[in-house]
C-alpha atoms as a PDB file:
ATOM      1  CA  UNK A   1     -10.806  49.079  -3.737  1.00  0.00           C
ATOM      2  CA  UNK A   2     -11.896  49.521  -7.341  1.00  0.00           C
ATOM      3  CA  UNK A   3     -12.708  53.002  -8.624  1.00  0.00           C
ATOM      4  CA  UNK A   4     -16.281  51.901  -9.420  1.00  0.00           C
ATOM      5  CA  UNK A   5     -16.789  50.623  -5.866  1.00  0.00           C
ATOM      6  CA  UNK A   6     -15.455  53.825  -4.395  1.00  0.00           C
ATOM      7  CA  UNK A   7     -17.660  55.959  -6.660  1.00  0.00           C
ATOM      8  CA  UNK A   8     -20.697  53.937  -5.600  1.00  0.00           C
ATOM      9  CA  UNK A   9     -19.901  54.365  -1.901  1.00  0.00           C
ATOM     10  CA  UNK A  10     -19.335  58.106  -2.314  1.00  0.00           C
ATOM     11  CA  UNK A  11     -22.623  58.448  -4.193  1.00  0.00           C
ATOM     12  CA  UNK A  12     -24.482  56.544  -1.441  1.00  0.00           C
ATOM     13  CA  UNK A  13     -22.951  58.746   1.262  1.00  0.00           C
ATOM     14  CA  UNK A  14     -23.980  61.915  -0.572  1.00  0.00           C
ATOM     15  CA  UNK A  15     -27.493  60.508  -1.019  1.00  0.00           C
ATOM     16  CA  UNK A  16     -27.681  59.733   2.711  1.00  0.00           C
ATOM     17  CA  UNK A  17     -26.713  63.310   3.535  1.00  0.00           C
ATOM     18  CA  UNK A  18     -29.350  64.710   1.177  1.00  0.00           C
ATOM     19  CA  UNK A  19     -32.115  62.405   2.400  1.00  0.00           C
ATOM     20  CA  UNK A  20     -31.773  63.073   6.113  1.00  0.00           C
ATOM     21  CA  UNK A  21     -31.153  66.070   8.314  1.00  0.00           C
ATOM     22  CA  UNK A  22     -30.863  63.768  11.334  1.00  0.00           C
ATOM     23  CA  UNK A  23     -27.205  63.937  12.379  1.00  0.00           C
ATOM     24  CA  UNK A  24     -27.204  60.567  14.128  1.00  0.00           C
ATOM     25  CA  UNK A  25     -28.714  58.783  11.130  1.00  0.00           C
ATOM     26  CA  UNK A  26     -26.182  60.175   8.632  1.00  0.00           C
ATOM     27  CA  UNK A  27     -23.196  59.579  10.918  1.00  0.00           C
ATOM     28  CA  UNK A  28     -24.477  56.081  11.728  1.00  0.00           C
ATOM     29  CA  UNK A  29     -24.715  55.152   8.039  1.00  0.00           C
ATOM     30  CA  UNK A  30     -21.254  56.585   7.375  1.00  0.00           C
ATOM     31  CA  UNK A  31     -19.684  54.692  10.275  1.00  0.00           C
ATOM     32  CA  UNK A  32     -21.424  51.468   9.301  1.00  0.00           C
ATOM     33  CA  UNK A  33     -19.888  51.730   5.827  1.00  0.00           C
ATOM     34  CA  UNK A  34     -16.479  52.659   7.223  1.00  0.00           C
ATOM     35  CA  UNK A  35     -16.610  49.668   9.560  1.00  0.00           C
ATOM     36  CA  UNK A  36     -16.963  47.364   6.555  1.00  0.00           C
ATOM     37  CA  UNK A  37     -14.377  49.203   4.439  1.00  0.00           C
ATOM     38  CA  UNK A  38     -11.556  49.053   6.970  1.00  0.00           C
ATOM     39  CA  UNK A  39     -12.679  45.726   8.488  1.00  0.00           C
ATOM     40  CA  UNK A  40     -13.223  47.173  11.947  1.00  0.00           C
ATOM     41  CA  UNK A  41     -15.237  45.081  14.372  1.00  0.00           C
ATOM     42  CA  UNK A  42     -17.098  48.231  15.416  1.00  0.00           C
ATOM     43  CA  UNK A  43     -17.128  52.039  15.385  1.00  0.00           C
ATOM     44  CA  UNK A  44     -18.430  54.565  17.911  1.00  0.00           C
ATOM     45  CA  UNK A  45     -19.188  58.288  18.137  1.00  0.00           C
ATOM     46  CA  UNK A  46     -18.444  60.277  21.297  1.00  0.00           C
ATOM     47  CA  UNK A  47     -19.863  63.809  21.467  1.00  0.00           C
ATOM     48  CA  UNK A  48     -17.995  66.577  23.269  1.00  0.00           C
ATOM     49  CA  UNK A  49     -19.873  68.749  25.737  1.00  0.00           C
ATOM     50  CA  UNK A  50     -19.384  70.777  28.886  1.00  0.00           C
ATOM     51  CA  UNK A  51     -21.471  70.113  31.959  1.00  0.00           C
ATOM     52  CA  UNK A  52     -21.168  72.710  34.710  1.00  0.00           C
ATOM     53  CA  UNK A  53     -17.976  73.927  33.070  1.00  0.00           C
ATOM     54  CA  UNK A  54     -16.410  70.449  33.024  1.00  0.00           C
ATOM     55  CA  UNK A  55     -15.492  69.150  29.552  1.00  0.00           C
ATOM     56  CA  UNK A  56     -16.438  65.545  28.807  1.00  0.00           C
ATOM     57  CA  UNK A  57     -17.217  63.081  26.042  1.00  0.00           C
ATOM     58  CA  UNK A  58     -20.414  61.040  25.991  1.00  0.00           C
ATOM     59  CA  UNK A  59     -21.388  58.070  23.853  1.00  0.00           C
ATOM     60  CA  UNK A  60     -23.960  58.985  21.191  1.00  0.00           C
ATOM     61  CA  UNK A  61     -23.576  56.087  18.745  1.00  0.00           C
ATOM     62  CA  UNK A  62     -21.969  52.967  20.226  1.00  0.00           C
ATOM     63  CA  UNK A  63     -20.784  49.647  18.809  1.00  0.00           C
ATOM     64  CA  UNK A  64     -21.734  50.209  15.164  1.00  0.00           C
ATOM     65  CA  UNK A  65     -21.012  47.065  13.184  1.00  0.00           C
ATOM     66  CA  UNK A  66     -21.448  46.615   9.435  1.00  0.00           C
ATOM     67  CA  UNK A  67     -24.875  44.982   9.939  1.00  0.00           C
ATOM     68  CA  UNK A  68     -26.117  47.110  12.875  1.00  0.00           C
ATOM     69  CA  UNK A  69     -29.318  49.127  12.946  1.00  0.00           C
ATOM     70  CA  UNK A  70     -29.535  52.722  14.167  1.00  0.00           C
ATOM     71  CA  UNK A  71     -31.863  51.764  17.028  1.00  0.00           C
ATOM     72  CA  UNK A  72     -29.313  49.238  18.342  1.00  0.00           C
ATOM     73  CA  UNK A  73     -26.500  51.794  18.377  1.00  0.00           C
ATOM     74  CA  UNK A  74     -28.181  55.061  19.385  1.00  0.00           C
ATOM     75  CA  UNK A  75     -27.422  55.677  23.062  1.00  0.00           C
ATOM     76  CA  UNK A  76     -30.218  57.093  25.204  1.00  0.00           C
ATOM     77  CA  UNK A  77     -29.161  59.955  27.520  1.00  0.00           C
ATOM     78  CA  UNK A  78     -29.700  57.829  30.648  1.00  0.00           C
ATOM     79  CA  UNK A  79     -27.427  55.063  29.272  1.00  0.00           C
ATOM     80  CA  UNK A  80     -24.447  57.179  28.191  1.00  0.00           C
ATOM     81  CA  UNK A  81     -20.893  56.306  29.080  1.00  0.00           C
ATOM     82  CA  UNK A  82     -19.289  59.621  30.029  1.00  0.00           C
ATOM     83  CA  UNK A  83     -15.528  60.159  29.826  1.00  0.00           C
ATOM     84  CA  UNK A  84     -13.549  62.952  31.411  1.00  0.00           C
ATOM     85  CA  UNK A  85     -10.941  64.259  28.968  1.00  0.00           C
ATOM     86  CA  UNK A  86      -8.094  62.889  31.075  1.00  0.00           C
ATOM     87  CA  UNK A  87      -9.251  59.286  30.726  1.00  0.00           C
ATOM     88  CA  UNK A  88      -8.525  56.666  28.101  1.00  0.00           C
ATOM     89  CA  UNK A  89      -7.877  56.852  24.395  1.00  0.00           C
ATOM     90  CA  UNK A  90     -10.985  58.907  23.644  1.00  0.00           C
ATOM     91  CA  UNK A  91      -9.971  61.534  26.165  1.00  0.00           C
ATOM     92  CA  UNK A  92      -6.403  61.606  24.857  1.00  0.00           C
ATOM     93  CA  UNK A  93      -7.609  62.116  21.267  1.00  0.00           C
ATOM     94  CA  UNK A  94      -9.935  64.881  22.479  1.00  0.00           C
ATOM     95  CA  UNK A  95      -7.160  66.652  24.390  1.00  0.00           C
ATOM     96  CA  UNK A  96      -4.499  66.416  21.678  1.00  0.00           C
ATOM     97  CA  UNK A  97      -6.930  66.808  18.753  1.00  0.00           C
ATOM     98  CA  UNK A  98      -4.806  64.290  16.843  1.00  0.00           C
ATOM     99  CA  UNK A  99      -5.640  61.040  15.093  1.00  0.00           C
ATOM    100  CA  UNK A 100      -4.293  57.974  16.876  1.00  0.00           C
ATOM    101  CA  UNK A 101      -3.659  54.538  15.388  1.00  0.00           C
ATOM    102  CA  UNK A 102      -2.918  52.324  18.372  1.00  0.00           C
ATOM    103  CA  UNK A 103      -1.739  48.810  17.555  1.00  0.00           C
ATOM    104  CA  UNK A 104      -1.924  47.566  21.151  1.00  0.00           C
ATOM    105  CA  UNK A 105      -4.188  49.266  23.702  1.00  0.00           C
ATOM    106  CA  UNK A 106      -2.769  47.517  26.773  1.00  0.00           C
ATOM    107  CA  UNK A 107      -1.068  50.706  28.001  1.00  0.00           C
ATOM    108  CA  UNK A 108      -4.422  52.508  28.259  1.00  0.00           C
ATOM    109  CA  UNK A 109      -7.281  52.297  30.763  1.00  0.00           C
ATOM    110  CA  UNK A 110      -9.622  49.280  30.474  1.00  0.00           C
ATOM    111  CA  UNK A 111     -12.568  51.312  31.839  1.00  0.00           C
ATOM    112  CA  UNK A 112     -14.965  50.665  28.947  1.00  0.00           C
ATOM    113  CA  UNK A 113     -13.912  47.043  28.457  1.00  0.00           C
ATOM    114  CA  UNK A 114     -14.798  46.416  32.099  1.00  0.00           C
ATOM    115  CA  UNK A 115     -18.224  48.045  31.638  1.00  0.00           C
ATOM    116  CA  UNK A 116     -19.068  46.320  28.351  1.00  0.00           C
ATOM    117  CA  UNK A 117     -17.370  42.925  28.784  1.00  0.00           C
ATOM    118  CA  UNK A 118     -15.614  43.492  25.433  1.00  0.00           C
ATOM    119  CA  UNK A 119     -11.889  43.164  24.763  1.00  0.00           C
ATOM    120  CA  UNK A 120     -10.317  46.000  22.812  1.00  0.00           C
ATOM    121  CA  UNK A 121      -7.053  45.070  21.062  1.00  0.00           C
ATOM    122  CA  UNK A 122      -6.400  47.989  18.700  1.00  0.00           C
ATOM    123  CA  UNK A 123      -7.973  51.348  17.935  1.00  0.00           C
ATOM    124  CA  UNK A 124      -8.100  53.966  15.215  1.00  0.00           C
ATOM    125  CA  UNK A 125      -9.524  57.233  16.576  1.00  0.00           C
ATOM    126  CA  UNK A 126      -9.793  60.801  15.331  1.00  0.00           C
ATOM    127  CA  UNK A 127     -11.178  64.081  16.618  1.00  0.00           C
ATOM    128  CA  UNK A 128     -13.816  66.036  14.726  1.00  0.00           C
ATOM    129  CA  UNK A 129     -13.203  69.748  15.122  1.00  0.00           C
ATOM    130  CA  UNK A 130     -14.882  72.904  13.930  1.00  0.00           C
ATOM    131  CA  UNK A 131     -12.035  75.380  13.743  1.00  0.00           C
ATOM    132  CA  UNK A 132     -10.345  75.025  17.131  1.00  0.00           C
ATOM    133  CA  UNK A 133     -13.482  73.695  18.841  1.00  0.00           C
ATOM    134  CA  UNK A 134     -13.742  69.977  19.541  1.00  0.00           C
ATOM    135  CA  UNK A 135     -17.069  68.549  18.356  1.00  0.00           C
ATOM    136  CA  UNK A 136     -16.636  64.782  18.726  1.00  0.00           C
ATOM    137  CA  UNK A 137     -14.294  61.810  18.643  1.00  0.00           C
ATOM    138  CA  UNK A 138     -14.889  58.890  16.297  1.00  0.00           C
ATOM    139  CA  UNK A 139     -13.297  55.541  16.978  1.00  0.00           C
ATOM    140  CA  UNK A 140     -12.875  52.276  15.037  1.00  0.00           C
ATOM    141  CA  UNK A 141     -12.104  49.257  17.208  1.00  0.00           C
ATOM    142  CA  UNK A 142     -10.390  45.921  16.541  1.00  0.00           C
ATOM    143  CA  UNK A 143      -9.183  45.178  13.015  1.00  0.00           C
ATOM    144  CA  UNK A 144     -10.874  41.903  12.002  1.00  0.00           C
ATOM    145  CA  UNK A 145      -8.608  40.347   9.376  1.00  0.00           C
ATOM    146  CA  UNK A 146      -5.221  41.546  10.626  1.00  0.00           C
ATOM    147  CA  UNK A 147      -3.449  42.253  13.927  1.00  0.00           C
ATOM    148  CA  UNK A 148      -3.910  46.057  13.666  1.00  0.00           C
ATOM    149  CA  UNK A 149      -5.107  48.940  11.488  1.00  0.00           C
ATOM    150  CA  UNK A 150      -2.671  49.904   8.726  1.00  0.00           C
ATOM    151  CA  UNK A 151      -1.801  53.340   7.380  1.00  0.00           C
ATOM    152  CA  UNK A 152      -4.059  52.497   4.386  1.00  0.00           C
ATOM    153  CA  UNK A 153      -6.922  51.837   6.810  1.00  0.00           C
ATOM    154  CA  UNK A 154      -6.198  55.160   8.480  1.00  0.00           C
ATOM    155  CA  UNK A 155      -6.305  56.984   5.120  1.00  0.00           C
ATOM    156  CA  UNK A 156      -9.646  55.362   4.190  1.00  0.00           C
ATOM    157  CA  UNK A 157     -11.028  56.078   7.667  1.00  0.00           C
ATOM    158  CA  UNK A 158     -10.150  59.766   7.470  1.00  0.00           C
ATOM    159  CA  UNK A 159     -11.283  60.101   3.851  1.00  0.00           C
ATOM    160  CA  UNK A 160     -14.795  58.776   4.482  1.00  0.00           C
ATOM    161  CA  UNK A 161     -15.109  60.536   7.822  1.00  0.00           C
ATOM    162  CA  UNK A 162     -15.222  63.808   5.897  1.00  0.00           C
ATOM    163  CA  UNK A 163     -18.923  63.047   5.316  1.00  0.00           C
ATOM    164  CA  UNK A 164     -19.632  62.456   8.996  1.00  0.00           C
ATOM    165  CA  UNK A 165     -17.488  65.453   9.905  1.00  0.00           C
ATOM    166  CA  UNK A 166     -19.484  67.823   7.713  1.00  0.00           C
ATOM    167  CA  UNK A 167     -22.727  66.675   9.293  1.00  0.00           C
ATOM    168  CA  UNK A 168     -21.317  66.939  12.822  1.00  0.00           C
ATOM    169  CA  UNK A 169     -20.056  70.472  12.167  1.00  0.00           C
ATOM    170  CA  UNK A 170     -23.494  71.566  10.951  1.00  0.00           C
ATOM    171  CA  UNK A 171     -25.041  69.981  14.057  1.00  0.00           C
ATOM    172  CA  UNK A 172     -22.475  71.735  16.281  1.00  0.00           C
ATOM    173  CA  UNK A 173     -23.150  75.143  14.711  1.00  0.00           C
ATOM    174  CA  UNK A 174     -26.894  74.615  15.132  1.00  0.00           C
ATOM    175  CA  UNK A 175     -26.341  73.680  18.786  1.00  0.00           C
ATOM    176  CA  UNK A 176     -24.228  76.811  19.391  1.00  0.00           C
ATOM    177  CA  UNK A 177     -26.886  78.963  17.703  1.00  0.00           C
ATOM    178  CA  UNK A 178     -29.607  77.469  19.920  1.00  0.00           C
ATOM    179  CA  UNK A 179     -27.500  78.121  23.046  1.00  0.00           C
ATOM    180  CA  UNK A 180     -26.991  81.760  22.056  1.00  0.00           C
ATOM    181  CA  UNK A 181     -30.694  82.155  21.257  1.00  0.00           C
ATOM    182  CA  UNK A 182     -31.656  80.768  24.685  1.00  0.00           C
ATOM    183  CA  UNK A 183     -29.076  82.958  26.399  1.00  0.00           C
ATOM    184  CA  UNK A 184     -30.567  85.999  24.638  1.00  0.00           C
ATOM    185  CA  UNK A 185     -34.082  85.050  25.781  1.00  0.00           C
ATOM    186  CA  UNK A 186     -33.002  84.779  29.424  1.00  0.00           C
ATOM    187  CA  UNK A 187     -31.592  88.314  29.531  1.00  0.00           C
END
Protein backbone atom coordinates (compact mmCIF):
# COMPACT_ATOMS: atom_id res chain seq x y z
CA UNK A 1 0.00 0.00 0.00
CA UNK A 2 1.31 3.44 -0.92
CA UNK A 3 1.96 5.98 1.83
CA UNK A 4 -0.59 8.36 0.26
CA UNK A 5 -3.27 5.65 0.26
CA UNK A 6 -2.58 4.79 3.87
CA UNK A 7 -2.67 8.46 4.91
CA UNK A 8 -6.02 8.87 3.17
CA UNK A 9 -7.49 5.82 4.91
CA UNK A 10 -6.22 6.97 8.30
CA UNK A 11 -7.68 10.44 7.73
CA UNK A 12 -11.07 8.93 6.77
CA UNK A 13 -11.09 6.74 9.88
CA UNK A 14 -10.34 9.71 12.13
CA UNK A 15 -13.09 11.70 10.40
CA UNK A 16 -15.55 8.84 10.95
CA UNK A 17 -14.71 8.79 14.66
CA UNK A 18 -15.21 12.55 14.95
CA UNK A 19 -18.48 12.58 13.02
CA UNK A 20 -20.28 9.87 14.96
CA UNK A 21 -20.61 8.85 18.57
CA UNK A 22 -22.51 5.73 17.49
CA UNK A 23 -20.19 2.81 18.28
CA UNK A 24 -21.73 0.46 15.73
CA UNK A 25 -21.45 2.99 12.91
CA UNK A 26 -17.76 3.74 13.53
CA UNK A 27 -16.82 0.08 13.99
CA UNK A 28 -18.85 -0.86 10.91
CA UNK A 29 -17.02 1.69 8.74
CA UNK A 30 -13.66 0.55 10.10
CA UNK A 31 -14.40 -3.12 9.46
CA UNK A 32 -15.72 -2.39 5.97
CA UNK A 33 -12.42 -0.69 5.13
CA UNK A 34 -10.38 -3.47 6.73
CA UNK A 35 -12.32 -6.05 4.74
CA UNK A 36 -11.19 -4.38 1.51
CA UNK A 37 -7.61 -3.80 2.69
CA UNK A 38 -6.88 -7.39 3.64
CA UNK A 39 -9.18 -8.89 0.97
CA UNK A 40 -11.41 -10.64 3.48
CA UNK A 41 -14.76 -11.87 2.22
CA UNK A 42 -16.36 -10.51 5.39
CA UNK A 43 -15.78 -9.25 8.94
CA UNK A 44 -17.90 -9.51 12.08
CA UNK A 45 -18.06 -8.03 15.58
CA UNK A 46 -19.01 -10.16 18.59
CA UNK A 47 -19.70 -8.30 21.85
CA UNK A 48 -18.84 -9.86 25.20
CA UNK A 49 -21.44 -9.84 27.95
CA UNK A 50 -22.58 -11.80 30.97
CA UNK A 51 -26.15 -13.00 31.27
CA UNK A 52 -27.12 -14.37 34.67
CA UNK A 53 -23.43 -14.70 35.48
CA UNK A 54 -22.70 -16.72 32.32
CA UNK A 55 -20.13 -15.15 29.97
CA UNK A 56 -21.01 -15.18 26.27
CA UNK A 57 -20.38 -13.47 22.95
CA UNK A 58 -23.21 -12.16 20.79
CA UNK A 59 -23.20 -10.96 17.20
CA UNK A 60 -23.54 -7.17 16.94
CA UNK A 61 -22.25 -6.54 13.41
CA UNK A 62 -22.32 -9.58 11.13
CA UNK A 63 -21.06 -10.32 7.62
CA UNK A 64 -19.60 -6.90 6.81
CA UNK A 65 -18.35 -6.89 3.24
CA UNK A 66 -16.57 -4.02 1.48
CA UNK A 67 -19.84 -2.85 -0.12
CA UNK A 68 -22.22 -3.58 2.80
CA UNK A 69 -24.49 -1.06 4.47
CA UNK A 70 -24.82 -0.67 8.24
CA UNK A 71 -28.50 -1.67 8.16
CA UNK A 72 -27.64 -4.98 6.45
CA UNK A 73 -25.02 -5.88 9.05
CA UNK A 74 -26.44 -4.56 12.34
CA UNK A 75 -27.90 -7.51 14.24
CA UNK A 76 -31.16 -6.95 16.10
CA UNK A 77 -31.23 -8.37 19.66
CA UNK A 78 -33.83 -11.01 18.72
CA UNK A 79 -31.64 -12.25 15.82
CA UNK A 80 -28.31 -12.58 17.65
CA UNK A 81 -26.14 -15.65 17.40
CA UNK A 82 -24.91 -16.25 20.95
CA UNK A 83 -21.71 -18.19 21.66
CA UNK A 84 -20.64 -19.65 24.97
CA UNK A 85 -16.93 -19.02 25.53
CA UNK A 86 -16.11 -22.71 25.19
CA UNK A 87 -17.38 -22.91 21.62
CA UNK A 88 -15.67 -22.26 18.31
CA UNK A 89 -12.96 -19.88 17.24
CA UNK A 90 -14.67 -16.80 18.68
CA UNK A 91 -14.93 -18.42 22.08
CA UNK A 92 -11.32 -19.59 21.96
CA UNK A 93 -10.10 -16.07 21.10
CA UNK A 94 -12.23 -14.67 23.93
CA UNK A 95 -10.87 -17.18 26.46
CA UNK A 96 -7.20 -16.87 25.49
CA UNK A 97 -7.35 -13.14 24.67
CA UNK A 98 -4.94 -13.82 21.80
CA UNK A 99 -5.08 -13.08 18.10
CA UNK A 100 -5.53 -16.17 15.95
CA UNK A 101 -4.68 -16.56 12.27
CA UNK A 102 -6.19 -19.90 11.29
CA UNK A 103 -5.31 -21.13 7.80
CA UNK A 104 -7.76 -24.05 7.88
CA UNK A 105 -10.79 -24.01 10.18
CA UNK A 106 -11.74 -27.67 9.72
CA UNK A 107 -10.61 -28.58 13.25
CA UNK A 108 -13.15 -26.17 14.78
CA UNK A 109 -16.92 -26.35 15.24
CA UNK A 110 -19.08 -25.69 12.15
CA UNK A 111 -21.91 -24.27 14.30
CA UNK A 112 -22.22 -20.92 12.52
CA UNK A 113 -21.66 -22.35 9.04
CA UNK A 114 -24.59 -24.68 9.65
CA UNK A 115 -26.80 -21.76 10.76
CA UNK A 116 -25.81 -19.40 7.95
CA UNK A 117 -25.24 -21.82 5.05
CA UNK A 118 -21.79 -20.24 4.54
CA UNK A 119 -18.48 -22.10 4.28
CA UNK A 120 -15.65 -20.71 6.37
CA UNK A 121 -12.17 -21.69 5.13
CA UNK A 122 -9.82 -19.42 7.09
CA UNK A 123 -10.10 -16.85 9.85
CA UNK A 124 -8.20 -13.94 11.34
CA UNK A 125 -9.62 -13.04 14.77
CA UNK A 126 -8.56 -10.83 17.65
CA UNK A 127 -9.90 -9.89 21.06
CA UNK A 128 -10.59 -6.29 22.04
CA UNK A 129 -9.76 -5.77 25.69
CA UNK A 130 -9.91 -2.88 28.11
CA UNK A 131 -7.15 -3.66 30.57
CA UNK A 132 -7.85 -7.27 31.53
CA UNK A 133 -11.55 -7.06 30.65
CA UNK A 134 -12.74 -8.60 27.40
CA UNK A 135 -14.92 -6.19 25.41
CA UNK A 136 -15.37 -7.93 22.05
CA UNK A 137 -13.92 -10.22 19.41
CA UNK A 138 -13.47 -9.08 15.82
CA UNK A 139 -13.12 -11.60 13.05
CA UNK A 140 -12.16 -11.48 9.35
CA UNK A 141 -13.28 -14.50 7.34
CA UNK A 142 -12.04 -16.10 4.11
CA UNK A 143 -9.13 -14.49 2.28
CA UNK A 144 -10.39 -13.77 -1.25
CA UNK A 145 -7.29 -13.71 -3.45
CA UNK A 146 -5.15 -16.28 -1.65
CA UNK A 147 -5.56 -19.54 0.29
CA UNK A 148 -5.19 -17.85 3.72
CA UNK A 149 -4.41 -14.62 5.57
CA UNK A 150 -0.71 -13.76 5.69
CA UNK A 151 1.30 -12.20 8.50
CA UNK A 152 1.13 -8.92 6.51
CA UNK A 153 -2.67 -9.18 6.52
CA UNK A 154 -2.55 -9.78 10.26
CA UNK A 155 -0.39 -6.67 10.80
CA UNK A 156 -2.75 -4.50 8.71
CA UNK A 157 -5.78 -5.98 10.48
CA UNK A 158 -4.39 -5.19 13.93
CA UNK A 159 -3.12 -1.75 12.90
CA UNK A 160 -6.49 -0.52 11.62
CA UNK A 161 -8.42 -2.22 14.41
CA UNK A 162 -6.88 0.31 16.79
CA UNK A 163 -9.60 2.72 15.60
CA UNK A 164 -12.41 0.26 16.27
CA UNK A 165 -10.77 -0.74 19.55
CA UNK A 166 -10.71 2.82 20.86
CA UNK A 167 -14.39 3.25 20.09
CA UNK A 168 -15.30 -0.10 21.67
CA UNK A 169 -13.36 0.75 24.84
CA UNK A 170 -15.22 4.06 25.19
CA UNK A 171 -18.51 2.21 24.67
CA UNK A 172 -17.50 -0.40 27.27
CA UNK A 173 -16.59 2.24 29.86
CA UNK A 174 -19.90 4.02 29.24
CA UNK A 175 -21.75 0.71 29.67
CA UNK A 176 -19.94 0.00 32.97
CA UNK A 177 -20.73 3.52 34.19
CA UNK A 178 -24.42 3.06 33.37
CA UNK A 179 -24.48 -0.29 35.22
CA UNK A 180 -22.93 1.29 38.31
CA UNK A 181 -25.34 4.23 38.13
CA UNK A 182 -28.33 1.85 37.95
CA UNK A 183 -26.95 -0.26 40.79
CA UNK A 184 -26.63 2.90 42.91
CA UNK A 185 -30.24 3.88 42.16
CA UNK A 186 -31.56 0.47 43.25
CA UNK A 187 -29.95 0.67 46.70
